Amino acid sequence: MAEWIEYGYWGLFLASFLAATILPFSSEAILSLCVYSGFDISLTVAIASLGNWLGGLTGYYLGYLGKLERIEKWLKIKPDKAIKSKEFLRSKGNAFAFFAFLPFIGDLIPIGLGLLRTNPYWMALFMAAGKVCRYVVWAWLTLQALS
């Protein structure tokens, strides 16, 4: 992981972007190394958040390009239940994008919201808020561990 630091902020950006995809990757470790190495804390949090947010948007648009009908067929969802679920998520589901930072299920949230064609602007806003909060807390924890 230390080799990512050699690329500076670009390495942090790429690591954060990749971590928001289905690839198993820890952007938090890279962020901690950047903080430990003396990188500017505000810029480090901003770049990590931006990279991770853009990775999440990529997942959303991949889901958006998918076919919901296939999911309904494969998962054997009844049409009336699928309609109710879609309408709920279209109206209120974007708030779930805040939790796109969670391990394991976080990468699937933007893809699912894309499949359901939720409002991309609200989804992007909620997801950005969650990503920024996560990296602020992680940077703070790293600073606490260093002192």
C-alpha atoms as a PDB file:
ATOM      1  CA  MET A   1       0.000   0.000   0.000  1.00  0.00           C
ATOM      2  CA  ALA A   2       2.890   2.350   0.587  1.00  0.00           C
ATOM      3  CA  GLU A   3       3.535   2.504  -3.164  1.00  0.00           C
ATOM      4  CA  TRP A   4       0.263   4.429  -3.569  1.00  0.00           C
ATOM      5  CA  ILE A   5       1.812   7.240  -1.528  1.00  0.00           C
ATOM      6  CA  GLU A   6       4.529   7.636  -4.174  1.00  0.00           C
ATOM      7  CA  TYR A   7       1.828   8.959  -6.507  1.00  0.00           C
ATOM      8  CA  GLY A   8       0.695  11.495  -3.923  1.00  0.00           C
ATOM      9  CA  TYR A   9      -2.795  12.888  -4.261  1.00  0.00           C
ATOM     10  CA  TRP A  10      -3.277  11.112  -7.602  1.00  0.00           C
ATOM     11  CA  GLY A  11      -2.647   7.785  -5.909  1.00  0.00           C
ATOM     12  CA  LEU A  12      -5.144   8.657  -3.179  1.00  0.00           C
ATOM     13  CA  PHE A  13      -7.710   9.699  -5.792  1.00  0.00           C
ATOM     14  CA  LEU A  14      -7.291   6.472  -7.778  1.00  0.00           C
ATOM     15  CA  ALA A  15      -7.381   4.308  -4.633  1.00  0.00           C
ATOM     16  CA  SER A  16     -10.562   6.046  -3.471  1.00  0.00           C
ATOM     17  CA  PHE A  17     -12.166   5.702  -6.887  1.00  0.00           C
ATOM     18  CA  LEU A  18     -11.382   1.982  -7.088  1.00  0.00           C
ATOM     19  CA  ALA A  19     -12.609   1.400  -3.537  1.00  0.00           C
ATOM     20  CA  ALA A  20     -16.072   2.675  -4.557  1.00  0.00           C
ATOM     21  CA  THR A  21     -16.387   0.000  -7.209  1.00  0.00           C
ATOM     22  CA  ILE A  22     -16.914  -3.694  -6.609  1.00  0.00           C
ATOM     23  CA  LEU A  23     -13.139  -4.153  -6.316  1.00  0.00           C
ATOM     24  CA  PRO A  24     -12.097  -5.020  -2.767  1.00  0.00           C
ATOM     25  CA  PHE A  25      -9.823  -2.133  -1.881  1.00  0.00           C
ATOM     26  CA  SER A  26      -9.169  -0.048   1.240  1.00  0.00           C
ATOM     27  CA  SER A  27      -9.015   3.650   0.541  1.00  0.00           C
ATOM     28  CA  GLU A  28      -9.037   4.275   4.292  1.00  0.00           C
ATOM     29  CA  ALA A  29      -5.580   2.731   4.634  1.00  0.00           C
ATOM     30  CA  ILE A  30      -4.241   5.006   1.894  1.00  0.00           C
ATOM     31  CA  LEU A  31      -5.901   8.013   3.527  1.00  0.00           C
ATOM     32  CA  SER A  32      -4.287   7.113   6.860  1.00  0.00           C
ATOM     33  CA  LEU A  33      -0.883   6.791   5.180  1.00  0.00           C
ATOM     34  CA  CYS A  34      -1.355  10.216   3.595  1.00  0.00           C
ATOM     35  CA  VAL A  35      -2.274  11.768   6.944  1.00  0.00           C
ATOM     36  CA  TYR A  36       0.650  10.018   8.626  1.00  0.00           C
ATOM     37  CA  SER A  37       3.003  11.222   5.843  1.00  0.00           C
ATOM     38  CA  GLY A  38       2.072  14.840   6.460  1.00  0.00           C
ATOM     39  CA  PHE A  39      -0.209  15.495   3.504  1.00  0.00           C
ATOM     40  CA  ASP A  40      -2.569  18.445   3.920  1.00  0.00           C
ATOM     41  CA  ILE A  41      -5.512  17.036   5.888  1.00  0.00           C
ATOM     42  CA  SER A  42      -8.242  19.095   4.206  1.00  0.00           C
ATOM     43  CA  LEU A  43      -6.971  18.363   0.711  1.00  0.00           C
ATOM     44  CA  THR A  44      -6.535  14.685   1.570  1.00  0.00           C
ATOM     45  CA  VAL A  45     -10.154  14.391   2.764  1.00  0.00           C
ATOM     46  CA  ALA A  46     -11.434  16.340  -0.251  1.00  0.00           C
ATOM     47  CA  ILE A  47      -9.544  14.230  -2.795  1.00  0.00           C
ATOM     48  CA  ALA A  48     -10.476  10.926  -1.153  1.00  0.00           C
ATOM     49  CA  SER A  49     -14.130  12.022  -1.006  1.00  0.00           C
ATOM     50  CA  LEU A  50     -14.131  13.162  -4.635  1.00  0.00           C
ATOM     51  CA  GLY A  51     -12.532   9.958  -5.910  1.00  0.00           C
ATOM     52  CA  ASN A  52     -14.872   7.754  -3.900  1.00  0.00           C
ATOM     53  CA  TRP A  53     -17.914   9.811  -4.931  1.00  0.00           C
ATOM     54  CA  LEU A  54     -17.006   9.562  -8.629  1.00  0.00           C
ATOM     55  CA  GLY A  55     -16.554   5.803  -8.215  1.00  0.00           C
ATOM     56  CA  GLY A  56     -20.027   5.612  -6.664  1.00  0.00           C
ATOM     57  CA  LEU A  57     -21.488   7.658  -9.535  1.00  0.00           C
ATOM     58  CA  THR A  58     -19.910   5.195 -11.947  1.00  0.00           C
ATOM     59  CA  GLY A  59     -21.754   2.383 -10.147  1.00  0.00           C
ATOM     60  CA  TYR A  60     -25.008   4.358 -10.320  1.00  0.00           C
ATOM     61  CA  TYR A  61     -24.718   4.822 -14.081  1.00  0.00           C
ATOM     62  CA  LEU A  62     -23.780   1.181 -14.623  1.00  0.00           C
ATOM     63  CA  GLY A  63     -26.965   0.274 -12.746  1.00  0.00           C
ATOM     64  CA  TYR A  64     -28.889   2.865 -14.752  1.00  0.00           C
ATOM     65  CA  LEU A  65     -27.789   1.138 -17.966  1.00  0.00           C
ATOM     66  CA  GLY A  66     -29.027  -2.228 -16.646  1.00  0.00           C
ATOM     67  CA  LYS A  67     -32.425  -3.791 -17.187  1.00  0.00           C
ATOM     68  CA  LEU A  68     -34.734  -3.876 -14.170  1.00  0.00           C
ATOM     69  CA  GLU A  69     -36.966  -6.417 -15.902  1.00  0.00           C
ATOM     70  CA  ARG A  70     -34.144  -8.972 -15.779  1.00  0.00           C
ATOM     71  CA  ILE A  71     -33.705  -8.441 -12.040  1.00  0.00           C
ATOM     72  CA  GLU A  72     -37.449  -8.887 -11.455  1.00  0.00           C
ATOM     73  CA  LYS A  73     -37.416 -12.094 -13.488  1.00  0.00           C
ATOM     74  CA  TRP A  74     -34.276 -13.571 -11.888  1.00  0.00           C
ATOM     75  CA  LEU A  75     -35.318 -12.740  -8.341  1.00  0.00           C
ATOM     76  CA  LYS A  76     -38.947 -13.792  -8.928  1.00  0.00           C
ATOM     77  CA  ILE A  77     -40.388 -10.503  -7.715  1.00  0.00           C
ATOM     78  CA  LYS A  78     -44.146 -10.120  -8.207  1.00  0.00           C
ATOM     79  CA  PRO A  79     -45.029  -7.184 -10.497  1.00  0.00           C
ATOM     80  CA  ASP A  80     -47.213  -5.357  -7.927  1.00  0.00           C
ATOM     81  CA  LYS A  81     -44.492  -5.606  -5.253  1.00  0.00           C
ATOM     82  CA  ALA A  82     -41.865  -4.458  -7.742  1.00  0.00           C
ATOM     83  CA  ILE A  83     -43.978  -1.414  -8.662  1.00  0.00           C
ATOM     84  CA  LYS A  84     -44.451  -0.433  -4.996  1.00  0.00           C
ATOM     85  CA  SER A  85     -40.740  -0.879  -4.269  1.00  0.00           C
ATOM     86  CA  LYS A  86     -39.717   1.142  -7.312  1.00  0.00           C
ATOM     87  CA  GLU A  87     -42.051   4.006  -6.417  1.00  0.00           C
ATOM     88  CA  PHE A  88     -40.829   4.096  -2.817  1.00  0.00           C
ATOM     89  CA  LEU A  89     -37.190   4.140  -3.875  1.00  0.00           C
ATOM     90  CA  ARG A  90     -37.815   6.734  -6.567  1.00  0.00           C
ATOM     91  CA  SER A  91     -39.405   9.073  -4.031  1.00  0.00           C
ATOM     92  CA  LYS A  92     -37.401   8.393  -0.848  1.00  0.00           C
ATOM     93  CA  GLY A  93     -34.723   5.891  -1.708  1.00  0.00           C
ATOM     94  CA  ASN A  94     -32.086   8.417  -2.613  1.00  0.00           C
ATOM     95  CA  ALA A  95     -31.442   8.948   1.092  1.00  0.00           C
ATOM     96  CA  PHE A  96     -30.035   5.406   1.124  1.00  0.00           C
ATOM     97  CA  ALA A  97     -27.191   6.707  -1.037  1.00  0.00           C
ATOM     98  CA  PHE A  98     -25.783   8.328   2.108  1.00  0.00           C
ATOM     99  CA  PHE A  99     -24.848   4.803   3.238  1.00  0.00           C
ATOM    100  CA  ALA A 100     -22.877   3.984   0.086  1.00  0.00           C
ATOM    101  CA  PHE A 101     -19.728   4.224   2.233  1.00  0.00           C
ATOM    102  CA  LEU A 102     -20.627   1.064   4.187  1.00  0.00           C
ATOM    103  CA  PRO A 103     -18.458  -2.018   3.721  1.00  0.00           C
ATOM    104  CA  PHE A 104     -19.816  -4.868   1.601  1.00  0.00           C
ATOM    105  CA  ILE A 105     -23.259  -3.445   0.723  1.00  0.00           C
ATOM    106  CA  GLY A 106     -22.135   0.122   0.054  1.00  0.00           C
ATOM    107  CA  ASP A 107     -20.962  -0.624  -3.483  1.00  0.00           C
ATOM    108  CA  LEU A 108     -24.333  -2.179  -4.322  1.00  0.00           C
ATOM    109  CA  ILE A 109     -26.444   0.764  -3.146  1.00  0.00           C
ATOM    110  CA  PRO A 110     -25.602   3.125  -6.051  1.00  0.00           C
ATOM    111  CA  ILE A 111     -25.964   0.279  -8.556  1.00  0.00           C
ATOM    112  CA  GLY A 112     -29.408  -0.570  -7.165  1.00  0.00           C
ATOM    113  CA  LEU A 113     -30.506   3.056  -7.157  1.00  0.00           C
ATOM    114  CA  GLY A 114     -29.342   3.313 -10.767  1.00  0.00           C
ATOM    115  CA  LEU A 115     -31.319   0.217 -11.715  1.00  0.00           C
ATOM    116  CA  LEU A 116     -34.400   1.794 -10.170  1.00  0.00           C
ATOM    117  CA  ARG A 117     -33.771   5.068 -12.000  1.00  0.00           C
ATOM    118  CA  THR A 118     -33.877   7.223  -8.878  1.00  0.00           C
ATOM    119  CA  ASN A 119     -33.231  10.944  -9.189  1.00  0.00           C
ATOM    120  CA  PRO A 120     -29.506  11.194  -9.979  1.00  0.00           C
ATOM    121  CA  TYR A 121     -29.111  14.671  -8.471  1.00  0.00           C
ATOM    122  CA  TRP A 122     -30.498  13.766  -5.050  1.00  0.00           C
ATOM    123  CA  MET A 123     -28.674  10.451  -5.102  1.00  0.00           C
ATOM    124  CA  ALA A 124     -25.381  12.222  -5.875  1.00  0.00           C
ATOM    125  CA  LEU A 125     -25.949  14.766  -3.100  1.00  0.00           C
ATOM    126  CA  PHE A 126     -26.769  12.171  -0.431  1.00  0.00           C
ATOM    127  CA  MET A 127     -23.890   9.960  -1.524  1.00  0.00           C
ATOM    128  CA  ALA A 128     -21.426  12.877  -1.434  1.00  0.00           C
ATOM    129  CA  ALA A 129     -22.532  13.753   2.103  1.00  0.00           C
ATOM    130  CA  GLY A 130     -21.949  10.180   3.269  1.00  0.00           C
ATOM    131  CA  LYS A 131     -18.553   9.898   1.617  1.00  0.00           C
ATOM    132  CA  VAL A 132     -17.319  13.203   3.061  1.00  0.00           C
ATOM    133  CA  CYS A 133     -18.548  12.283   6.553  1.00  0.00           C
ATOM    134  CA  ARG A 134     -16.751   8.946   6.373  1.00  0.00           C
ATOM    135  CA  TYR A 135     -13.401  10.423   5.367  1.00  0.00           C
ATOM    136  CA  VAL A 136     -13.631  13.259   7.897  1.00  0.00           C
ATOM    137  CA  VAL A 137     -14.234  10.743  10.680  1.00  0.00           C
ATOM    138  CA  TRP A 138     -11.481   8.442   9.398  1.00  0.00           C
ATOM    139  CA  ALA A 139      -8.965  11.295   9.166  1.00  0.00           C
ATOM    140  CA  TRP A 140      -9.888  12.408  12.685  1.00  0.00           C
ATOM    141  CA  LEU A 141      -9.433   8.854  14.002  1.00  0.00           C
ATOM    142  CA  THR A 142      -6.051   8.666  12.282  1.00  0.00           C
ATOM    143  CA  LEU A 143      -4.982  11.954  13.874  1.00  0.00           C
ATOM    144  CA  GLN A 144      -6.134  10.693  17.280  1.00  0.00           C
ATOM    145  CA  ALA A 145      -4.113   7.510  16.856  1.00  0.00           C
ATOM    146  CA  LEU A 146      -1.012   9.533  15.956  1.00  0.00           C
ATOM    147  CA  SER A 147      -1.198  11.782  19.022  1.00  0.00           C
END
